Amino acid sequence: MDRNEQKPAIRFQGFTDAWEQRKLGEIVERVVRKNTNNESSLPLTISAQYGLVDQITYFNNRVASRDVRNYYLVLNGEFAYNKSTSDGFPFGAVKRLELYEKGVLSTLYIVFSIKSQSEIDSDFLTVFFDTDRWHKGVAERAAEGARNHGLLNISSDDFLDIDILLPRYKEEQVAIGSYLRNLNHLITLHQRKYAVLDD
């Protein structure tokens, strides 16, 4: 599907309506909940490959400070944007917290949640951010001299201003999100089998 095309050429059976373009900030809201009461002591980081993961497991070290009361408290199902660029991820990564009930993130991240679960499918949004369809919006809004120690210079307001093209009805979002997440799961399983056979 062309970036500006609102009627994809390939559709699941029964879906014919045009997709709609929305601002990300219309469908999600920023989360700025602090961990003031020390509800969680689990420091998280965003791995472009593995999602929101425990820092200690990922880095084999704790990068977060010991006092995490000023960190964001992130709950299962919420999303976070890591503005840090890396190989294959020139505009950073957006991931949903799936592995833990809650955790804490540095305020360098942009944390957000879906405004209406009855309108927007969380799996669809997850697979959307696994594509490059949001990169152009970030590229257009990131300030000149965009990288500061590998971090893109984009404000949370500008990030929430990016455009997203999505099916008008949640049923189609669910079909796409479910299909692509199952496909990704299948690919991961085969990669693991291959790695075992290759050893």
Protein backbone atom coordinates (compact mmCIF):
# COMPACT_ATOMS: atom_id res chain seq x y z
CA MET A 1 0.00 0.00 0.00
CA ASP A 2 1.31 3.43 -0.98
CA ARG A 3 1.85 5.73 2.04
CA ASN A 4 -0.92 8.04 0.82
CA GLU A 5 -3.26 5.30 -0.40
CA GLN A 6 -6.31 4.92 1.80
CA LYS A 7 -7.67 1.75 0.17
CA PRO A 8 -5.10 -1.05 0.47
CA ALA A 9 -4.89 -3.39 -2.52
CA ILE A 10 -4.85 -6.53 -0.35
CA ARG A 11 -7.58 -6.84 2.27
CA PHE A 12 -9.05 -9.44 4.57
CA GLN A 13 -12.35 -10.71 3.22
CA GLY A 14 -15.32 -8.54 4.15
CA PHE A 15 -13.41 -5.26 4.57
CA THR A 16 -13.75 -2.64 1.85
CA ASP A 17 -13.86 0.73 3.65
CA ALA A 18 -11.13 3.28 3.12
CA TRP A 19 -8.59 3.65 5.89
CA GLU A 20 -8.36 6.97 7.68
CA GLN A 21 -5.45 9.21 8.51
CA ARG A 22 -5.32 10.39 12.12
CA LYS A 23 -2.80 12.18 14.30
CA LEU A 24 -1.24 9.78 16.80
CA GLY A 25 -2.30 12.17 19.58
CA GLU A 26 -5.95 11.69 18.59
CA ILE A 27 -5.85 8.00 19.44
CA VAL A 28 -3.33 7.88 22.29
CA GLU A 29 -2.58 10.00 25.34
CA ARG A 30 0.74 10.70 26.97
CA VAL A 31 1.44 8.97 30.28
CA VAL A 32 3.46 11.04 32.75
CA ARG A 33 2.67 8.99 35.87
CA LYS A 34 5.66 9.07 38.21
CA ASN A 35 6.74 6.18 40.42
CA THR A 36 6.38 8.47 43.46
CA ASN A 37 5.18 5.74 45.83
CA ASN A 38 7.80 3.22 44.64
CA GLU A 39 5.11 0.97 43.18
CA SER A 40 7.77 -0.69 41.05
CA SER A 41 11.51 -1.17 41.40
CA LEU A 42 11.87 -2.92 38.02
CA PRO A 43 13.97 -0.71 35.72
CA LEU A 44 13.06 -1.19 32.06
CA THR A 45 14.76 -0.42 28.77
CA ILE A 46 13.54 -0.66 25.19
CA SER A 47 15.26 -3.23 23.04
CA ALA A 48 14.38 -2.79 19.37
CA GLN A 49 14.41 -6.60 19.06
CA TYR A 50 12.92 -7.76 22.36
CA GLY A 51 10.62 -4.91 23.38
CA LEU A 52 10.36 -3.45 26.88
CA VAL A 53 12.70 -5.58 28.96
CA ASP A 54 14.28 -5.64 32.41
CA GLN A 55 17.53 -3.63 32.32
CA ILE A 56 19.37 -6.08 34.53
CA THR A 57 18.58 -9.02 32.23
CA TYR A 58 19.24 -7.06 29.03
CA PHE A 59 22.43 -5.23 30.01
CA ASN A 60 23.49 -7.72 32.70
CA ASN A 61 23.70 -4.57 34.77
CA ARG A 62 21.47 -1.91 36.30
CA VAL A 63 21.70 1.39 34.44
CA ALA A 64 18.89 3.12 36.33
CA SER A 65 19.67 5.02 39.50
CA ARG A 66 18.80 3.32 42.78
CA ASP A 67 16.08 5.85 43.52
CA VAL A 68 13.48 5.43 40.79
CA ARG A 69 10.70 7.57 42.30
CA ASN A 70 11.12 10.21 39.56
CA TYR A 71 10.94 7.63 36.77
CA TYR A 72 7.75 7.00 34.82
CA LEU A 73 5.62 4.14 36.12
CA VAL A 74 4.60 2.09 33.08
CA LEU A 75 1.77 -0.43 33.23
CA ASN A 76 1.25 -3.57 31.16
CA GLY A 77 -0.23 -2.66 27.75
CA GLU A 78 1.20 0.87 27.67
CA PHE A 79 3.68 1.96 24.99
CA ALA A 80 7.01 3.73 25.16
CA TYR A 81 9.10 5.46 22.51
CA ASN A 82 12.88 5.25 22.76
CA LYS A 83 14.35 8.13 20.71
CA SER A 84 17.73 6.40 20.69
CA THR A 85 18.87 5.39 17.21
CA SER A 86 20.60 2.11 16.42
CA ASP A 87 21.46 -0.13 13.45
CA GLY A 88 18.28 -0.85 11.52
CA PHE A 89 16.31 1.56 13.73
CA PRO A 90 17.24 5.05 12.50
CA PHE A 91 14.22 6.64 14.21
CA GLY A 92 14.32 4.68 17.46
CA ALA A 93 11.74 2.13 18.55
CA VAL A 94 8.23 2.05 20.00
CA LYS A 95 7.31 -0.98 22.09
CA ARG A 96 4.42 -2.11 24.29
CA LEU A 97 4.99 -3.42 27.83
CA GLU A 98 4.06 -7.10 27.60
CA LEU A 99 6.42 -9.12 29.79
CA TYR A 100 5.71 -7.55 33.18
CA GLU A 101 2.74 -6.13 35.08
CA LYS A 102 4.59 -2.82 35.57
CA GLY A 103 8.02 -1.26 35.53
CA VAL A 104 9.83 2.07 35.53
CA LEU A 105 11.35 4.03 32.66
CA SER A 106 13.58 7.07 32.48
CA THR A 107 11.78 10.30 31.64
CA LEU A 108 13.86 10.42 28.44
CA TYR A 109 11.25 8.04 27.01
CA ILE A 110 7.83 9.11 25.70
CA VAL A 111 5.20 6.89 27.33
CA PHE A 112 1.63 6.69 26.03
CA SER A 113 -1.54 4.61 26.18
CA ILE A 114 -4.52 4.08 23.89
CA LYS A 115 -7.37 6.49 24.66
CA SER A 116 -10.21 4.16 23.66
CA GLN A 117 -9.68 0.38 23.64
CA SER A 118 -13.10 0.07 21.98
CA GLU A 119 -11.85 2.02 18.91
CA ILE A 120 -8.17 1.11 18.63
CA ASP A 121 -6.68 -2.39 18.74
CA SER A 122 -3.48 -2.56 20.77
CA ASP A 123 -2.01 -5.37 18.62
CA PHE A 124 -2.59 -3.30 15.46
CA LEU A 125 -0.74 -0.36 17.00
CA THR A 126 2.08 -2.70 18.05
CA VAL A 127 2.57 -4.05 14.52
CA PHE A 128 2.20 -0.54 13.05
CA PHE A 129 5.21 0.57 15.08
CA ASP A 130 7.14 -2.49 13.86
CA THR A 131 6.92 -1.01 10.33
CA ASP A 132 8.65 2.08 8.96
CA ARG A 133 5.33 3.87 8.25
CA TRP A 134 5.84 6.28 11.15
CA HIS A 135 9.46 7.18 10.35
CA LYS A 136 8.61 9.95 7.89
CA GLY A 137 6.53 11.75 10.52
CA VAL A 138 9.42 11.68 12.99
CA ALA A 139 11.93 12.74 10.31
CA GLU A 140 9.76 15.75 9.42
CA ARG A 141 9.44 16.85 13.04
CA ALA A 142 12.86 16.07 14.53
CA ALA A 143 14.85 19.28 14.95
CA GLU A 144 17.82 19.98 12.70
CA GLY A 145 21.04 18.59 14.10
CA ALA A 146 18.67 15.88 15.17
CA ARG A 147 21.01 13.59 17.05
CA ASN A 148 22.36 14.41 20.47
CA HIS A 149 24.43 11.46 21.75
CA GLY A 150 22.37 9.14 19.50
CA LEU A 151 19.03 10.57 20.67
CA LEU A 152 16.62 12.12 18.17
CA ASN A 153 15.66 15.66 19.09
CA ILE A 154 11.85 15.38 18.98
CA SER A 155 9.45 16.61 21.64
CA SER A 156 6.55 14.54 22.92
CA ASP A 157 4.10 17.02 21.35
CA ASP A 158 5.79 16.66 17.96
CA PHE A 159 5.88 12.87 18.29
CA LEU A 160 2.15 12.77 19.05
CA ASP A 161 1.58 14.96 15.98
CA ILE A 162 2.77 12.28 13.52
CA ASP A 163 0.22 10.84 11.10
CA ILE A 164 -1.02 7.28 11.30
CA LEU A 165 -3.08 5.53 8.62
CA LEU A 166 -5.38 2.91 10.10
CA PRO A 167 -8.55 0.95 9.37
CA ARG A 168 -11.66 2.87 10.36
CA TYR A 169 -13.20 -0.13 12.13
CA LYS A 170 -11.60 -2.00 14.98
CA GLU A 171 -12.59 -5.40 13.51
CA GLU A 172 -10.16 -4.89 10.61
CA GLN A 173 -7.45 -3.63 12.96
CA VAL A 174 -7.90 -6.80 15.06
CA ALA A 175 -7.64 -9.05 11.98
CA ILE A 176 -4.42 -7.36 10.82
CA GLY A 177 -2.86 -7.11 14.28
CA SER A 178 -3.60 -10.73 15.12
CA TYR A 179 -2.40 -12.05 11.76
CA LEU A 180 0.90 -10.17 11.80
CA ARG A 181 1.67 -10.92 15.45
CA ASN A 182 1.04 -14.64 14.82
CA LEU A 183 3.28 -14.47 11.75
CA ASN A 184 6.05 -12.75 13.73
CA HIS A 185 5.71 -15.41 16.45
CA LEU A 186 6.02 -18.17 13.84
CA ILE A 187 9.12 -16.54 12.33
CA THR A 188 10.71 -16.27 15.78
CA LEU A 189 10.03 -19.96 16.49
CA HIS A 190 11.63 -21.00 13.18
CA GLN A 191 14.64 -18.76 13.83
CA ARG A 192 15.12 -20.43 17.22
CA LYS A 193 14.87 -23.91 15.66
CA TYR A 194 17.37 -22.91 13.01
CA ALA A 195 19.77 -21.53 15.64
CA VAL A 196 19.58 -24.84 17.57
CA LEU A 197 20.23 -26.87 14.39
CA ASP A 198 23.08 -24.57 13.40
CA ASP A 199 24.94 -25.11 16.71
